[in-house]
Amino acid sequence: MNNTNELFLFPNATSHSWEIDEWLSGDPVKLYSIARQWFAVFRSCGDDVNELIHDGYPTACVEGAAFGYVNVFKSHVNVGFFTGVFIDDPLSLLEGTGKRMRHVKLRPDIDVDSRAMSELIQSAYLDVRARLHQ
């Protein structure tokens, strides 16, 4: 397997996008606050994290290689991972049947294990970072 072929590349990703800040301030607040919380975790993974709006939602990259995103729907928020099929998920939070991508559905009225979510995000970051630098 050529690990760089497993990556979704965005050479135009930047260190900070005000467009994302604006997107994250949307309504309904109860959903966008969830998206804000988890996108902040993506942003905090490392100095090499860049970002952009892709397909209408905030996307986090290692340099220019996408590793995660948040998206708000009518009643839930998806926290997604571009190489989610490759990351460890001991609590089976990840959903999806695609070739590579997986996501976690978060709802305002259902508690989530914050530590497990943070570990998924960190794992996705480290996975893409390792693939990028092989």
N, C-alpha and C. Protein backbone atom coordinates (compact mmCIF):
# COMPACT_ATOMS: atom_id res chain seq x y z
N MET A 1 0.85 -1.20 0.00
CA MET A 1 0.00 0.00 0.00
C MET A 1 0.88 1.24 0.00
N ASN A 2 0.65 2.13 -0.91
CA ASN A 2 1.31 3.43 -0.92
C ASN A 2 0.51 4.36 -0.02
N ASN A 3 1.05 4.70 1.13
CA ASN A 3 0.31 5.46 2.14
C ASN A 3 -0.11 6.84 1.67
N THR A 4 0.64 7.47 0.79
CA THR A 4 0.23 8.79 0.32
C THR A 4 -0.99 8.69 -0.60
N ASN A 5 -1.22 7.54 -1.21
CA ASN A 5 -2.42 7.36 -2.02
C ASN A 5 -3.68 7.29 -1.16
N GLU A 6 -3.53 7.03 0.12
CA GLU A 6 -4.64 6.95 1.05
C GLU A 6 -5.06 8.33 1.55
N LEU A 7 -4.38 9.39 1.11
CA LEU A 7 -4.61 10.73 1.64
C LEU A 7 -5.43 11.59 0.69
N PHE A 8 -6.20 12.48 1.28
CA PHE A 8 -7.00 13.47 0.56
C PHE A 8 -6.26 14.79 0.73
N LEU A 9 -5.64 15.31 -0.33
CA LEU A 9 -4.72 16.44 -0.23
C LEU A 9 -5.36 17.76 -0.63
N PHE A 10 -5.06 18.78 0.17
CA PHE A 10 -5.54 20.15 -0.06
C PHE A 10 -4.37 21.12 0.07
N PRO A 11 -3.66 21.39 -1.01
CA PRO A 11 -2.50 22.28 -0.93
C PRO A 11 -2.86 23.71 -0.54
N ASN A 12 -4.13 24.09 -0.63
CA ASN A 12 -4.54 25.46 -0.29
C ASN A 12 -4.99 25.61 1.16
N ALA A 13 -4.83 24.57 1.99
CA ALA A 13 -5.17 24.68 3.41
C ALA A 13 -4.23 25.70 4.08
N THR A 14 -4.78 26.45 5.03
CA THR A 14 -4.01 27.50 5.71
C THR A 14 -4.01 27.26 7.22
N SER A 15 -3.13 27.99 7.92
CA SER A 15 -3.00 27.77 9.36
C SER A 15 -4.24 28.20 10.14
N HIS A 16 -4.99 29.15 9.63
CA HIS A 16 -6.23 29.56 10.30
C HIS A 16 -7.17 30.18 9.27
N SER A 17 -8.41 29.75 9.31
CA SER A 17 -9.41 30.25 8.36
C SER A 17 -10.50 31.01 9.11
N TRP A 18 -10.61 32.30 8.83
CA TRP A 18 -11.68 33.09 9.43
C TRP A 18 -13.03 32.64 8.90
N GLU A 19 -13.04 32.07 7.72
CA GLU A 19 -14.27 31.52 7.15
C GLU A 19 -14.79 30.37 8.04
N ILE A 20 -13.87 29.58 8.58
CA ILE A 20 -14.28 28.51 9.49
C ILE A 20 -14.82 29.10 10.79
N ASP A 21 -14.16 30.13 11.32
CA ASP A 21 -14.65 30.77 12.54
C ASP A 21 -16.09 31.26 12.34
N GLU A 22 -16.34 31.85 11.19
CA GLU A 22 -17.68 32.33 10.88
C GLU A 22 -18.66 31.15 10.78
N TRP A 23 -18.27 30.08 10.10
CA TRP A 23 -19.11 28.89 9.95
C TRP A 23 -19.47 28.33 11.33
N LEU A 24 -18.49 28.25 12.21
CA LEU A 24 -18.69 27.67 13.54
C LEU A 24 -19.57 28.52 14.45
N SER A 25 -19.86 29.74 14.05
CA SER A 25 -20.71 30.61 14.88
C SER A 25 -22.18 30.54 14.46
N GLY A 26 -22.53 29.54 13.68
CA GLY A 26 -23.89 29.42 13.14
C GLY A 26 -24.95 29.01 14.16
N ASP A 27 -26.18 28.97 13.67
CA ASP A 27 -27.33 28.53 14.46
C ASP A 27 -27.84 27.22 13.88
N PRO A 28 -28.38 26.32 14.68
CA PRO A 28 -28.71 26.48 16.09
C PRO A 28 -27.46 26.34 16.99
N VAL A 29 -27.39 27.18 17.99
CA VAL A 29 -26.22 27.25 18.87
C VAL A 29 -25.93 25.90 19.51
N LYS A 30 -26.95 25.16 19.90
CA LYS A 30 -26.71 23.88 20.59
C LYS A 30 -25.95 22.89 19.71
N LEU A 31 -26.13 22.96 18.39
CA LEU A 31 -25.40 22.08 17.49
C LEU A 31 -24.04 22.67 17.12
N TYR A 32 -24.01 23.95 16.79
CA TYR A 32 -22.75 24.57 16.39
C TYR A 32 -21.76 24.63 17.55
N SER A 33 -22.22 24.68 18.79
CA SER A 33 -21.30 24.66 19.93
C SER A 33 -20.59 23.30 20.01
N ILE A 34 -21.29 22.23 19.65
CA ILE A 34 -20.65 20.90 19.61
C ILE A 34 -19.58 20.89 18.51
N ALA A 35 -19.92 21.41 17.35
CA ALA A 35 -18.95 21.47 16.24
C ALA A 35 -17.74 22.31 16.64
N ARG A 36 -17.97 23.44 17.28
CA ARG A 36 -16.87 24.32 17.73
C ARG A 36 -15.96 23.59 18.70
N GLN A 37 -16.56 22.90 19.66
CA GLN A 37 -15.78 22.17 20.67
C GLN A 37 -14.83 21.18 20.02
N TRP A 38 -15.33 20.39 19.09
CA TRP A 38 -14.50 19.34 18.52
C TRP A 38 -13.56 19.85 17.44
N PHE A 39 -13.95 20.91 16.73
CA PHE A 39 -12.99 21.45 15.77
C PHE A 39 -11.82 22.10 16.50
N ALA A 40 -12.06 22.63 17.68
CA ALA A 40 -10.96 23.17 18.49
C ALA A 40 -9.96 22.07 18.85
N VAL A 41 -10.46 20.87 19.09
CA VAL A 41 -9.56 19.75 19.38
C VAL A 41 -8.74 19.41 18.13
N PHE A 42 -9.36 19.39 16.96
CA PHE A 42 -8.61 19.18 15.72
C PHE A 42 -7.50 20.23 15.60
N ARG A 43 -7.86 21.48 15.81
CA ARG A 43 -6.89 22.57 15.67
C ARG A 43 -5.72 22.43 16.64
N SER A 44 -5.94 21.84 17.79
CA SER A 44 -4.91 21.77 18.82
C SER A 44 -3.97 20.57 18.69
N CYS A 45 -4.14 19.76 17.68
CA CYS A 45 -3.34 18.54 17.55
C CYS A 45 -1.85 18.81 17.32
N GLY A 46 -1.50 19.87 16.64
CA GLY A 46 -0.09 20.14 16.37
C GLY A 46 0.11 21.41 15.59
N ASP A 47 1.36 21.86 15.57
CA ASP A 47 1.70 23.08 14.83
C ASP A 47 1.55 22.92 13.32
N ASP A 48 1.49 21.70 12.85
CA ASP A 48 1.37 21.44 11.41
C ASP A 48 -0.09 21.30 10.95
N VAL A 49 -1.05 21.62 11.83
CA VAL A 49 -2.47 21.53 11.46
C VAL A 49 -2.85 22.77 10.66
N ASN A 50 -3.40 22.53 9.50
CA ASN A 50 -3.96 23.57 8.64
C ASN A 50 -5.44 23.27 8.45
N GLU A 51 -6.16 24.20 7.82
CA GLU A 51 -7.60 24.02 7.70
C GLU A 51 -8.14 24.74 6.49
N LEU A 52 -9.35 24.34 6.12
CA LEU A 52 -10.08 24.98 5.03
C LEU A 52 -11.52 24.52 5.08
N ILE A 53 -12.36 25.23 4.35
CA ILE A 53 -13.73 24.78 4.13
C ILE A 53 -13.70 23.88 2.89
N HIS A 54 -14.14 22.63 3.04
CA HIS A 54 -14.21 21.69 1.93
C HIS A 54 -15.63 21.14 1.87
N ASP A 55 -16.25 21.18 0.72
CA ASP A 55 -17.63 20.73 0.55
C ASP A 55 -18.58 21.40 1.53
N GLY A 56 -18.25 22.63 1.92
CA GLY A 56 -19.14 23.41 2.77
C GLY A 56 -18.95 23.25 4.27
N TYR A 57 -17.93 22.49 4.71
CA TYR A 57 -17.74 22.31 6.14
C TYR A 57 -16.26 22.37 6.52
N PRO A 58 -15.98 22.71 7.79
CA PRO A 58 -14.59 22.83 8.26
C PRO A 58 -13.84 21.50 8.20
N THR A 59 -12.66 21.57 7.64
CA THR A 59 -11.81 20.41 7.46
C THR A 59 -10.43 20.70 8.02
N ALA A 60 -9.90 19.78 8.83
CA ALA A 60 -8.58 19.91 9.43
C ALA A 60 -7.60 19.03 8.67
N CYS A 61 -6.40 19.56 8.46
CA CYS A 61 -5.38 18.87 7.70
C CYS A 61 -4.06 18.83 8.48
N VAL A 62 -3.27 17.81 8.22
CA VAL A 62 -1.86 17.81 8.61
C VAL A 62 -1.15 18.37 7.40
N GLU A 63 -0.60 19.57 7.56
CA GLU A 63 -0.09 20.32 6.42
C GLU A 63 -1.25 20.45 5.43
N GLY A 64 -1.25 19.68 4.34
CA GLY A 64 -2.37 19.75 3.40
C GLY A 64 -3.14 18.45 3.27
N ALA A 65 -2.88 17.48 4.16
CA ALA A 65 -3.54 16.17 4.08
C ALA A 65 -4.68 16.12 5.10
N ALA A 66 -5.90 16.00 4.61
CA ALA A 66 -7.08 16.04 5.48
C ALA A 66 -7.10 14.87 6.45
N PHE A 67 -7.41 15.19 7.72
CA PHE A 67 -7.57 14.12 8.69
C PHE A 67 -8.91 14.15 9.42
N GLY A 68 -9.61 15.29 9.41
CA GLY A 68 -10.89 15.32 10.10
C GLY A 68 -11.75 16.49 9.69
N TYR A 69 -13.01 16.43 10.08
CA TYR A 69 -13.96 17.49 9.75
C TYR A 69 -15.10 17.49 10.77
N VAL A 70 -15.84 18.57 10.78
CA VAL A 70 -17.10 18.64 11.51
C VAL A 70 -18.17 19.10 10.53
N ASN A 71 -19.39 18.61 10.74
CA ASN A 71 -20.50 19.05 9.91
C ASN A 71 -21.77 19.02 10.75
N VAL A 72 -22.61 20.02 10.58
CA VAL A 72 -23.84 20.13 11.35
C VAL A 72 -25.02 19.75 10.46
N PHE A 73 -25.88 18.89 11.01
CA PHE A 73 -27.10 18.47 10.34
C PHE A 73 -28.29 18.97 11.15
N LYS A 74 -29.48 18.56 10.80
CA LYS A 74 -30.70 19.05 11.44
C LYS A 74 -30.74 18.73 12.94
N SER A 75 -30.33 17.52 13.33
CA SER A 75 -30.44 17.14 14.74
C SER A 75 -29.16 16.57 15.33
N HIS A 76 -28.07 16.58 14.57
CA HIS A 76 -26.81 16.04 15.09
C HIS A 76 -25.62 16.72 14.41
N VAL A 77 -24.45 16.42 14.95
CA VAL A 77 -23.17 16.89 14.40
C VAL A 77 -22.35 15.65 14.06
N ASN A 78 -21.75 15.65 12.89
CA ASN A 78 -20.79 14.60 12.55
C ASN A 78 -19.39 15.12 12.82
N VAL A 79 -18.61 14.31 13.50
CA VAL A 79 -17.17 14.52 13.61
C VAL A 79 -16.58 13.39 12.79
N GLY A 80 -15.93 13.75 11.69
CA GLY A 80 -15.50 12.74 10.73
C GLY A 80 -14.01 12.65 10.57
N PHE A 81 -13.59 11.50 10.05
CA PHE A 81 -12.18 11.16 9.91
C PHE A 81 -11.93 10.59 8.52
N PHE A 82 -11.03 11.21 7.78
CA PHE A 82 -10.77 10.82 6.40
C PHE A 82 -10.11 9.45 6.29
N THR A 83 -9.35 9.05 7.30
CA THR A 83 -8.76 7.71 7.32
C THR A 83 -9.28 6.94 8.54
N GLY A 84 -10.54 7.13 8.85
CA GLY A 84 -11.14 6.54 10.04
C GLY A 84 -11.10 5.03 10.10
N VAL A 85 -11.09 4.38 8.96
CA VAL A 85 -11.04 2.93 8.94
C VAL A 85 -9.72 2.41 9.50
N PHE A 86 -8.68 3.24 9.54
CA PHE A 86 -7.37 2.82 9.98
C PHE A 86 -7.08 3.15 11.44
N ILE A 87 -7.96 3.88 12.11
CA ILE A 87 -7.65 4.30 13.49
C ILE A 87 -8.34 3.38 14.51
N ASP A 88 -7.70 3.25 15.66
CA ASP A 88 -8.21 2.41 16.73
C ASP A 88 -9.45 3.07 17.35
N ASP A 89 -10.49 2.28 17.55
CA ASP A 89 -11.76 2.77 18.09
C ASP A 89 -12.25 1.78 19.16
N PRO A 90 -11.62 1.78 20.33
CA PRO A 90 -11.95 0.77 21.34
C PRO A 90 -13.39 0.84 21.86
N LEU A 91 -14.04 1.99 21.80
CA LEU A 91 -15.42 2.11 22.27
C LEU A 91 -16.45 1.98 21.14
N SER A 92 -15.98 1.69 19.93
CA SER A 92 -16.85 1.53 18.76
C SER A 92 -17.76 2.74 18.53
N LEU A 93 -17.16 3.92 18.58
CA LEU A 93 -17.91 5.16 18.34
C LEU A 93 -18.08 5.44 16.86
N LEU A 94 -17.16 4.95 16.04
CA LEU A 94 -17.16 5.28 14.61
C LEU A 94 -18.27 4.57 13.87
N GLU A 95 -18.87 5.31 12.93
CA GLU A 95 -19.90 4.77 12.06
C GLU A 95 -19.46 4.95 10.61
N GLY A 96 -20.09 4.21 9.72
CA GLY A 96 -19.83 4.36 8.29
C GLY A 96 -19.37 3.06 7.68
N THR A 97 -19.56 2.98 6.37
CA THR A 97 -19.20 1.76 5.65
C THR A 97 -18.33 2.06 4.43
N GLY A 98 -17.87 3.30 4.31
CA GLY A 98 -17.04 3.67 3.17
C GLY A 98 -15.69 2.98 3.18
N LYS A 99 -14.96 3.15 2.11
CA LYS A 99 -13.66 2.50 1.96
C LYS A 99 -12.65 3.00 2.99
N ARG A 100 -12.70 4.30 3.34
CA ARG A 100 -11.73 4.88 4.27
C ARG A 100 -12.35 5.73 5.37
N MET A 101 -13.38 6.49 5.04
CA MET A 101 -13.91 7.48 5.97
C MET A 101 -14.84 6.86 7.01
N ARG A 102 -14.81 7.46 8.21
CA ARG A 102 -15.72 7.11 9.29
C ARG A 102 -16.11 8.39 10.01
N HIS A 103 -17.18 8.35 10.79
CA HIS A 103 -17.63 9.52 11.53
C HIS A 103 -18.30 9.09 12.84
N VAL A 104 -18.43 10.05 13.73
CA VAL A 104 -19.17 9.87 14.98
C VAL A 104 -20.32 10.86 14.94
N LYS A 105 -21.53 10.40 15.21
CA LYS A 105 -22.70 11.28 15.29
C LYS A 105 -22.86 11.73 16.73
N LEU A 106 -22.90 13.04 16.93
CA LEU A 106 -23.08 13.60 18.27
C LEU A 106 -24.39 14.36 18.31
N ARG A 107 -25.14 14.13 19.36
CA ARG A 107 -26.43 14.80 19.56
C ARG A 107 -26.39 15.58 20.86
N PRO A 108 -27.03 16.75 20.89
CA PRO A 108 -26.96 17.61 22.08
C PRO A 108 -27.51 16.95 23.34
N ASP A 109 -28.44 16.03 23.21
CA ASP A 109 -29.08 15.42 24.38
C ASP A 109 -28.46 14.09 24.80
N ILE A 110 -27.36 13.68 24.16
CA ILE A 110 -26.70 12.42 24.48
C ILE A 110 -25.24 12.69 24.82
N ASP A 111 -24.83 12.27 26.02
CA ASP A 111 -23.44 12.46 26.44
C ASP A 111 -22.51 11.59 25.61
N VAL A 112 -21.32 12.13 25.39
CA VAL A 112 -20.29 11.40 24.67
C VAL A 112 -19.07 11.31 25.59
N ASP A 113 -18.31 10.26 25.44
CA ASP A 113 -17.07 10.11 26.19
C ASP A 113 -16.04 11.07 25.58
N SER A 114 -15.82 12.20 26.25
CA SER A 114 -14.94 13.24 25.72
C SER A 114 -13.51 12.75 25.55
N ARG A 115 -13.06 11.92 26.47
CA ARG A 115 -11.71 11.40 26.37
C ARG A 115 -11.57 10.52 25.13
N ALA A 116 -12.56 9.65 24.91
CA ALA A 116 -12.52 8.77 23.74
C ALA A 116 -12.57 9.58 22.44
N MET A 117 -13.39 10.62 22.41
CA MET A 117 -13.46 11.47 21.21
C MET A 117 -12.12 12.16 20.96
N SER A 118 -11.53 12.70 22.01
CA SER A 118 -10.22 13.37 21.87
C SER A 118 -9.16 12.38 21.39
N GLU A 119 -9.22 11.15 21.89
CA GLU A 119 -8.26 10.13 21.46
C GLU A 119 -8.47 9.74 20.00
N LEU A 120 -9.73 9.69 19.55
CA LEU A 120 -9.98 9.42 18.13
C LEU A 120 -9.38 10.51 17.25
N ILE A 121 -9.59 11.76 17.65
CA ILE A 121 -9.06 12.89 16.88
C ILE A 121 -7.54 12.83 16.85
N GLN A 122 -6.93 12.59 18.01
CA GLN A 122 -5.46 12.51 18.06
C GLN A 122 -4.96 11.33 17.22
N SER A 123 -5.64 10.21 17.28
CA SER A 123 -5.24 9.05 16.47
C SER A 123 -5.33 9.34 14.98
N ALA A 124 -6.40 10.03 14.57
CA ALA A 124 -6.54 10.39 13.15
C ALA A 124 -5.41 11.31 12.72
N TYR A 125 -5.11 12.28 13.56
CA TYR A 125 -4.00 13.21 13.28
C TYR A 125 -2.69 12.44 13.12
N LEU A 126 -2.38 11.58 14.09
CA LEU A 126 -1.11 10.85 14.05
C LEU A 126 -1.06 9.89 12.86
N ASP A 127 -2.19 9.28 12.52
CA ASP A 127 -2.24 8.37 11.38
C ASP A 127 -1.91 9.11 10.09
N VAL A 128 -2.56 10.23 9.85
CA VAL A 128 -2.33 10.98 8.61
C VAL A 128 -0.92 11.57 8.61
N ARG A 129 -0.47 12.03 9.74
CA ARG A 129 0.89 12.58 9.84
C ARG A 129 1.92 11.51 9.47
N ALA A 130 1.75 10.30 9.99
CA ALA A 130 2.67 9.21 9.68
C ALA A 130 2.62 8.86 8.19
N ARG A 131 1.42 8.80 7.62
CA ARG A 131 1.27 8.49 6.19
C ARG A 131 1.93 9.57 5.32
N LEU A 132 1.78 10.80 5.74
CA LEU A 132 2.30 11.92 4.97
C LEU A 132 3.83 11.91 4.94
N HIS A 133 4.43 11.47 6.01
CA HIS A 133 5.90 11.58 6.14
C HIS A 133 6.63 10.26 5.93
N GLN A 134 5.95 9.27 5.36
CA GLN A 134 6.64 8.00 5.05
C GLN A 134 7.34 8.08 3.73
